[in-house]
Amino acid sequence: MDYNSLKTERQQKAVNQAKKVFLILLAGGLSIGVIVSIGVIKLMSYFGLTEKTNQIEIIREKVEE
């Protein structure tokens, strides 16, 4: 007996509802991820963590101290 071919109306509605909930959660997670990543990038820029530093100058400063 093939149970996949014998889907009742209730099972079909449950599958459709599960798909809908999954897509809503996926879209919500992606949108929250985008917002958080933008916030992290702005914070990194604010604190100067995205600027390229000259490593040789930093080493010289440490040696001179």
PDB file of N, CA and C in Angstrom:
ATOM      1  N   MET A   1       0.842  -1.181   0.000  1.00  0.00           N
ATOM      2  CA  MET A   1       0.000   0.000   0.000  1.00  0.00           C
ATOM      3  C   MET A   1       0.888   1.245   0.000  1.00  0.00           C
ATOM      4  N   ASP A   2       0.674   2.138  -0.921  1.00  0.00           N
ATOM      5  CA  ASP A   2       1.457   3.360  -1.050  1.00  0.00           C
ATOM      6  C   ASP A   2       0.751   4.489  -0.303  1.00  0.00           C
ATOM      7  N   TYR A   3       1.351   4.909   0.812  1.00  0.00           N
ATOM      8  CA  TYR A   3       0.708   5.933   1.629  1.00  0.00           C
ATOM      9  C   TYR A   3       0.872   7.328   1.042  1.00  0.00           C
ATOM     10  N   ASN A   4       1.849   7.531   0.187  1.00  0.00           N
ATOM     11  CA  ASN A   4       2.048   8.853  -0.403  1.00  0.00           C
ATOM     12  C   ASN A   4       0.931   9.231  -1.362  1.00  0.00           C
ATOM     13  N   SER A   5       0.340   8.259  -2.022  1.00  0.00           N
ATOM     14  CA  SER A   5      -0.703   8.570  -2.981  1.00  0.00           C
ATOM     15  C   SER A   5      -2.068   8.744  -2.321  1.00  0.00           C
ATOM     16  N   LEU A   6      -2.215   8.270  -1.085  1.00  0.00           N
ATOM     17  CA  LEU A   6      -3.494   8.363  -0.388  1.00  0.00           C
ATOM     18  C   LEU A   6      -3.476   9.511   0.609  1.00  0.00           C
ATOM     19  N   LYS A   7      -3.489  10.727   0.112  1.00  0.00           N
ATOM     20  CA  LYS A   7      -3.500  11.890   0.986  1.00  0.00           C
ATOM     21  C   LYS A   7      -4.926  12.385   1.128  1.00  0.00           C
ATOM     22  N   THR A   8      -5.337  12.484   2.363  1.00  0.00           N
ATOM     23  CA  THR A   8      -6.678  12.997   2.610  1.00  0.00           C
ATOM     24  C   THR A   8      -6.652  14.517   2.513  1.00  0.00           C
ATOM     25  N   GLU A   9      -7.820  15.099   2.549  1.00  0.00           N
ATOM     26  CA  GLU A   9      -7.926  16.554   2.469  1.00  0.00           C
ATOM     27  C   GLU A   9      -7.259  17.207   3.680  1.00  0.00           C
ATOM     28  N   ARG A  10      -7.410  16.579   4.838  1.00  0.00           N
ATOM     29  CA  ARG A  10      -6.801  17.111   6.062  1.00  0.00           C
ATOM     30  C   ARG A  10      -5.274  17.070   5.966  1.00  0.00           C
ATOM     31  N   GLN A  11      -4.730  15.995   5.440  1.00  0.00           N
ATOM     32  CA  GLN A  11      -3.279  15.892   5.281  1.00  0.00           C
ATOM     33  C   GLN A  11      -2.764  16.933   4.294  1.00  0.00           C
ATOM     34  N   GLN A  12      -3.501  17.138   3.233  1.00  0.00           N
ATOM     35  CA  GLN A  12      -3.105  18.126   2.223  1.00  0.00           C
ATOM     36  C   GLN A  12      -3.089  19.533   2.811  1.00  0.00           C
ATOM     37  N   LYS A  13      -4.115  19.841   3.638  1.00  0.00           N
ATOM     38  CA  LYS A  13      -4.145  21.159   4.286  1.00  0.00           C
ATOM     39  C   LYS A  13      -2.990  21.317   5.264  1.00  0.00           C
ATOM     40  N   ALA A  14      -2.661  20.249   5.980  1.00  0.00           N
ATOM     41  CA  ALA A  14      -1.552  20.306   6.936  1.00  0.00           C
ATOM     42  C   ALA A  14      -0.229  20.538   6.218  1.00  0.00           C
ATOM     43  N   VAL A  15      -0.041  19.881   5.082  1.00  0.00           N
ATOM     44  CA  VAL A  15       1.190  20.055   4.308  1.00  0.00           C
ATOM     45  C   VAL A  15       1.278  21.480   3.780  1.00  0.00           C
ATOM     46  N   ASN A  16       0.177  22.003   3.274  1.00  0.00           N
ATOM     47  CA  ASN A  16       0.174  23.375   2.760  1.00  0.00           C
ATOM     48  C   ASN A  16       0.442  24.385   3.869  1.00  0.00           C
ATOM     49  N   GLN A  17      -0.144  24.142   5.047  1.00  0.00           N
ATOM     50  CA  GLN A  17       0.079  25.041   6.173  1.00  0.00           C
ATOM     51  C   GLN A  17       1.536  24.974   6.635  1.00  0.00           C
ATOM     52  N   ALA A  18       2.107  23.785   6.658  1.00  0.00           N
ATOM     53  CA  ALA A  18       3.506  23.640   7.056  1.00  0.00           C
ATOM     54  C   ALA A  18       4.419  24.356   6.069  1.00  0.00           C
ATOM     55  N   LYS A  19       4.132  24.258   4.785  1.00  0.00           N
ATOM     56  CA  LYS A  19       4.930  24.968   3.776  1.00  0.00           C
ATOM     57  C   LYS A  19       4.834  26.476   3.983  1.00  0.00           C
ATOM     58  N   LYS A  20       3.627  26.952   4.266  1.00  0.00           N
ATOM     59  CA  LYS A  20       3.405  28.379   4.452  1.00  0.00           C
ATOM     60  C   LYS A  20       4.172  28.885   5.679  1.00  0.00           C
ATOM     61  N   VAL A  21       4.103  28.130   6.777  1.00  0.00           N
ATOM     62  CA  VAL A  21       4.816  28.519   7.989  1.00  0.00           C
ATOM     63  C   VAL A  21       6.322  28.502   7.739  1.00  0.00           C
ATOM     64  N   PHE A  22       6.811  27.495   7.036  1.00  0.00           N
ATOM     65  CA  PHE A  22       8.238  27.408   6.731  1.00  0.00           C
ATOM     66  C   PHE A  22       8.695  28.616   5.918  1.00  0.00           C
ATOM     67  N   LEU A  23       7.934  28.986   4.908  1.00  0.00           N
ATOM     68  CA  LEU A  23       8.315  30.132   4.078  1.00  0.00           C
ATOM     69  C   LEU A  23       8.280  31.436   4.868  1.00  0.00           C
ATOM     70  N   ILE A  24       7.292  31.576   5.759  1.00  0.00           N
ATOM     71  CA  ILE A  24       7.215  32.780   6.591  1.00  0.00           C
ATOM     72  C   ILE A  24       8.427  32.850   7.516  1.00  0.00           C
ATOM     73  N   LEU A  25       8.774  31.724   8.146  1.00  0.00           N
ATOM     74  CA  LEU A  25       9.939  31.704   9.030  1.00  0.00           C
ATOM     75  C   LEU A  25      11.231  31.968   8.261  1.00  0.00           C
ATOM     76  N   LEU A  26      11.333  31.413   7.072  1.00  0.00           N
ATOM     77  CA  LEU A  26      12.518  31.632   6.251  1.00  0.00           C
ATOM     78  C   LEU A  26      12.653  33.101   5.870  1.00  0.00           C
ATOM     79  N   ALA A  27      11.571  33.705   5.419  1.00  0.00           N
ATOM     80  CA  ALA A  27      11.608  35.119   5.041  1.00  0.00           C
ATOM     81  C   ALA A  27      11.902  35.999   6.248  1.00  0.00           C
ATOM     82  N   GLY A  28      11.301  35.674   7.391  1.00  0.00           N
ATOM     83  CA  GLY A  28      11.557  36.453   8.606  1.00  0.00           C
ATOM     84  C   GLY A  28      13.004  36.347   9.042  1.00  0.00           C
ATOM     85  N   GLY A  29      13.554  35.142   8.998  1.00  0.00           N
ATOM     86  CA  GLY A  29      14.945  34.948   9.383  1.00  0.00           C
ATOM     87  C   GLY A  29      15.909  35.675   8.463  1.00  0.00           C
ATOM     88  N   LEU A  30      15.625  35.626   7.174  1.00  0.00           N
ATOM     89  CA  LEU A  30      16.483  36.335   6.221  1.00  0.00           C
ATOM     90  C   LEU A  30      16.427  37.844   6.427  1.00  0.00           C
ATOM     91  N   SER A  31      15.238  38.370   6.661  1.00  0.00           N
ATOM     92  CA  SER A  31      15.120  39.820   6.849  1.00  0.00           C
ATOM     93  C   SER A  31      15.784  40.252   8.154  1.00  0.00           C
ATOM     94  N   ILE A  32      15.632  39.477   9.222  1.00  0.00           N
ATOM     95  CA  ILE A  32      16.313  39.810  10.474  1.00  0.00           C
ATOM     96  C   ILE A  32      17.825  39.729  10.287  1.00  0.00           C
ATOM     97  N   GLY A  33      18.296  38.730   9.541  1.00  0.00           N
ATOM     98  CA  GLY A  33      19.726  38.596   9.279  1.00  0.00           C
ATOM     99  C   GLY A  33      20.289  39.782   8.520  1.00  0.00           C
ATOM    100  N   VAL A  34      19.542  40.268   7.551  1.00  0.00           N
ATOM    101  CA  VAL A  34      19.991  41.435   6.781  1.00  0.00           C
ATOM    102  C   VAL A  34      20.080  42.663   7.681  1.00  0.00           C
ATOM    103  N   ILE A  35      19.071  42.855   8.516  1.00  0.00           N
ATOM    104  CA  ILE A  35      19.062  44.024   9.414  1.00  0.00           C
ATOM    105  C   ILE A  35      20.217  43.951  10.405  1.00  0.00           C
ATOM    106  N   VAL A  36      20.443  42.772  10.985  1.00  0.00           N
ATOM    107  CA  VAL A  36      21.533  42.620  11.953  1.00  0.00           C
ATOM    108  C   VAL A  36      22.890  42.819  11.283  1.00  0.00           C
ATOM    109  N   SER A  37      23.069  42.282  10.085  1.00  0.00           N
ATOM    110  CA  SER A  37      24.356  42.438   9.409  1.00  0.00           C
ATOM    111  C   SER A  37      24.630  43.901   9.058  1.00  0.00           C
ATOM    112  N   ILE A  38      23.612  44.628   8.662  1.00  0.00           N
ATOM    113  CA  ILE A  38      23.795  46.057   8.387  1.00  0.00           C
ATOM    114  C   ILE A  38      24.189  46.792   9.659  1.00  0.00           C
ATOM    115  N   GLY A  39      23.549  46.434  10.767  1.00  0.00           N
ATOM    116  CA  GLY A  39      23.897  47.042  12.052  1.00  0.00           C
ATOM    117  C   GLY A  39      25.317  46.740  12.462  1.00  0.00           C
ATOM    118  N   VAL A  40      25.757  45.506  12.264  1.00  0.00           N
ATOM    119  CA  VAL A  40      27.128  45.126  12.625  1.00  0.00           C
ATOM    120  C   VAL A  40      28.131  45.886  11.766  1.00  0.00           C
ATOM    121  N   ILE A  41      27.848  46.014  10.488  1.00  0.00           N
ATOM    122  CA  ILE A  41      28.759  46.749   9.598  1.00  0.00           C
ATOM    123  C   ILE A  41      28.844  48.218  10.015  1.00  0.00           C
ATOM    124  N   LYS A  42      27.700  48.812  10.375  1.00  0.00           N
ATOM    125  CA  LYS A  42      27.722  50.217  10.806  1.00  0.00           C
ATOM    126  C   LYS A  42      28.500  50.383  12.107  1.00  0.00           C
ATOM    127  N   LEU A  43      28.336  49.441  13.041  1.00  0.00           N
ATOM    128  CA  LEU A  43      29.099  49.521  14.287  1.00  0.00           C
ATOM    129  C   LEU A  43      30.591  49.350  14.045  1.00  0.00           C
ATOM    130  N   MET A  44      30.950  48.433  13.177  1.00  0.00           N
ATOM    131  CA  MET A  44      32.368  48.234  12.862  1.00  0.00           C
ATOM    132  C   MET A  44      32.955  49.491  12.228  1.00  0.00           C
ATOM    133  N   SER A  45      32.201  50.119  11.359  1.00  0.00           N
ATOM    134  CA  SER A  45      32.681  51.357  10.734  1.00  0.00           C
ATOM    135  C   SER A  45      32.795  52.471  11.767  1.00  0.00           C
ATOM    136  N   TYR A  46      31.850  52.540  12.680  1.00  0.00           N
ATOM    137  CA  TYR A  46      31.861  53.585  13.710  1.00  0.00           C
ATOM    138  C   TYR A  46      33.085  53.454  14.599  1.00  0.00           C
ATOM    139  N   PHE A  47      33.458  52.248  14.962  1.00  0.00           N
ATOM    140  CA  PHE A  47      34.612  52.032  15.822  1.00  0.00           C
ATOM    141  C   PHE A  47      35.915  51.912  15.044  1.00  0.00           C
ATOM    142  N   GLY A  48      35.864  52.063  13.736  1.00  0.00           N
ATOM    143  CA  GLY A  48      37.072  52.072  12.923  1.00  0.00           C
ATOM    144  C   GLY A  48      37.660  50.695  12.683  1.00  0.00           C
ATOM    145  N   LEU A  49      36.866  49.657  12.782  1.00  0.00           N
ATOM    146  CA  LEU A  49      37.362  48.300  12.598  1.00  0.00           C
ATOM    147  C   LEU A  49      37.415  47.879  11.135  1.00  0.00           C
ATOM    148  N   THR A  50      36.901  48.702  10.244  1.00  0.00           N
ATOM    149  CA  THR A  50      36.926  48.355   8.825  1.00  0.00           C
ATOM    150  C   THR A  50      38.079  49.028   8.089  1.00  0.00           C
ATOM    151  N   GLU A  51      38.789  49.922   8.789  1.00  0.00           N
ATOM    152  CA  GLU A  51      39.893  50.624   8.146  1.00  0.00           C
ATOM    153  C   GLU A  51      41.119  49.717   8.079  1.00  0.00           C
ATOM    154  N   LYS A  52      41.849  49.835   7.001  1.00  0.00           N
ATOM    155  CA  LYS A  52      43.063  49.062   6.845  1.00  0.00           C
ATOM    156  C   LYS A  52      44.187  49.782   7.575  1.00  0.00           C
ATOM    157  N   THR A  53      44.841  49.053   8.451  1.00  0.00           N
ATOM    158  CA  THR A  53      45.924  49.663   9.214  1.00  0.00           C
ATOM    159  C   THR A  53      47.260  49.194   8.661  1.00  0.00           C
ATOM    160  N   ASN A  54      48.247  50.035   8.854  1.00  0.00           N
ATOM    161  CA  ASN A  54      49.596  49.703   8.420  1.00  0.00           C
ATOM    162  C   ASN A  54      50.256  48.888   9.530  1.00  0.00           C
ATOM    163  N   GLN A  55      50.429  47.609   9.320  1.00  0.00           N
ATOM    164  CA  GLN A  55      50.943  46.714  10.346  1.00  0.00           C
ATOM    165  C   GLN A  55      52.382  47.047  10.731  1.00  0.00           C
ATOM    166  N   ILE A  56      53.170  47.535   9.795  1.00  0.00           N
ATOM    167  CA  ILE A  56      54.566  47.864  10.097  1.00  0.00           C
ATOM    168  C   ILE A  56      54.630  49.007  11.105  1.00  0.00           C
ATOM    169  N   GLU A  57      53.778  50.014  10.940  1.00  0.00           N
ATOM    170  CA  GLU A  57      53.759  51.131  11.883  1.00  0.00           C
ATOM    171  C   GLU A  57      53.329  50.662  13.270  1.00  0.00           C
ATOM    172  N   ILE A  58      52.390  49.782  13.335  1.00  0.00           N
ATOM    173  CA  ILE A  58      51.927  49.269  14.630  1.00  0.00           C
ATOM    174  C   ILE A  58      53.054  48.507  15.320  1.00  0.00           C
ATOM    175  N   ILE A  59      53.787  47.696  14.554  1.00  0.00           N
ATOM    176  CA  ILE A  59      54.908  46.938  15.142  1.00  0.00           C
ATOM    177  C   ILE A  59      55.995  47.886  15.625  1.00  0.00           C
ATOM    178  N   ARG A  60      56.309  48.916  14.844  1.00  0.00           N
ATOM    179  CA  ARG A  60      57.335  49.895  15.245  1.00  0.00           C
ATOM    180  C   ARG A  60      56.930  50.600  16.528  1.00  0.00           C
ATOM    181  N   GLU A  61      55.666  50.974  16.660  1.00  0.00           N
ATOM    182  CA  GLU A  61      55.181  51.639  17.867  1.00  0.00           C
ATOM    183  C   GLU A  61      55.327  50.726  19.077  1.00  0.00           C
ATOM    184  N   LYS A  62      55.040  49.447  18.897  1.00  0.00           N
ATOM    185  CA  LYS A  62      55.161  48.505  20.007  1.00  0.00           C
ATOM    186  C   LYS A  62      56.622  48.306  20.408  1.00  0.00           C
ATOM    187  N   VAL A  63      57.513  48.274  19.421  1.00  0.00           N
ATOM    188  CA  VAL A  63      58.930  48.075  19.697  1.00  0.00           C
ATOM    189  C   VAL A  63      59.500  49.294  20.423  1.00  0.00           C
ATOM    190  N   GLU A  64      59.072  50.497  20.019  1.00  0.00           N
ATOM    191  CA  GLU A  64      59.582  51.721  20.596  1.00  0.00           C
ATOM    192  C   GLU A  64      59.130  51.898  22.041  1.00  0.00           C
ATOM    193  N   GLU A  65      58.037  51.307  22.431  1.00  0.00           N
ATOM    194  CA  GLU A  65      57.542  51.459  23.807  1.00  0.00           C
ATOM    195  C   GLU A  65      58.315  50.690  24.760  1.00  0.00           C
TER     196      GLU A  65
END
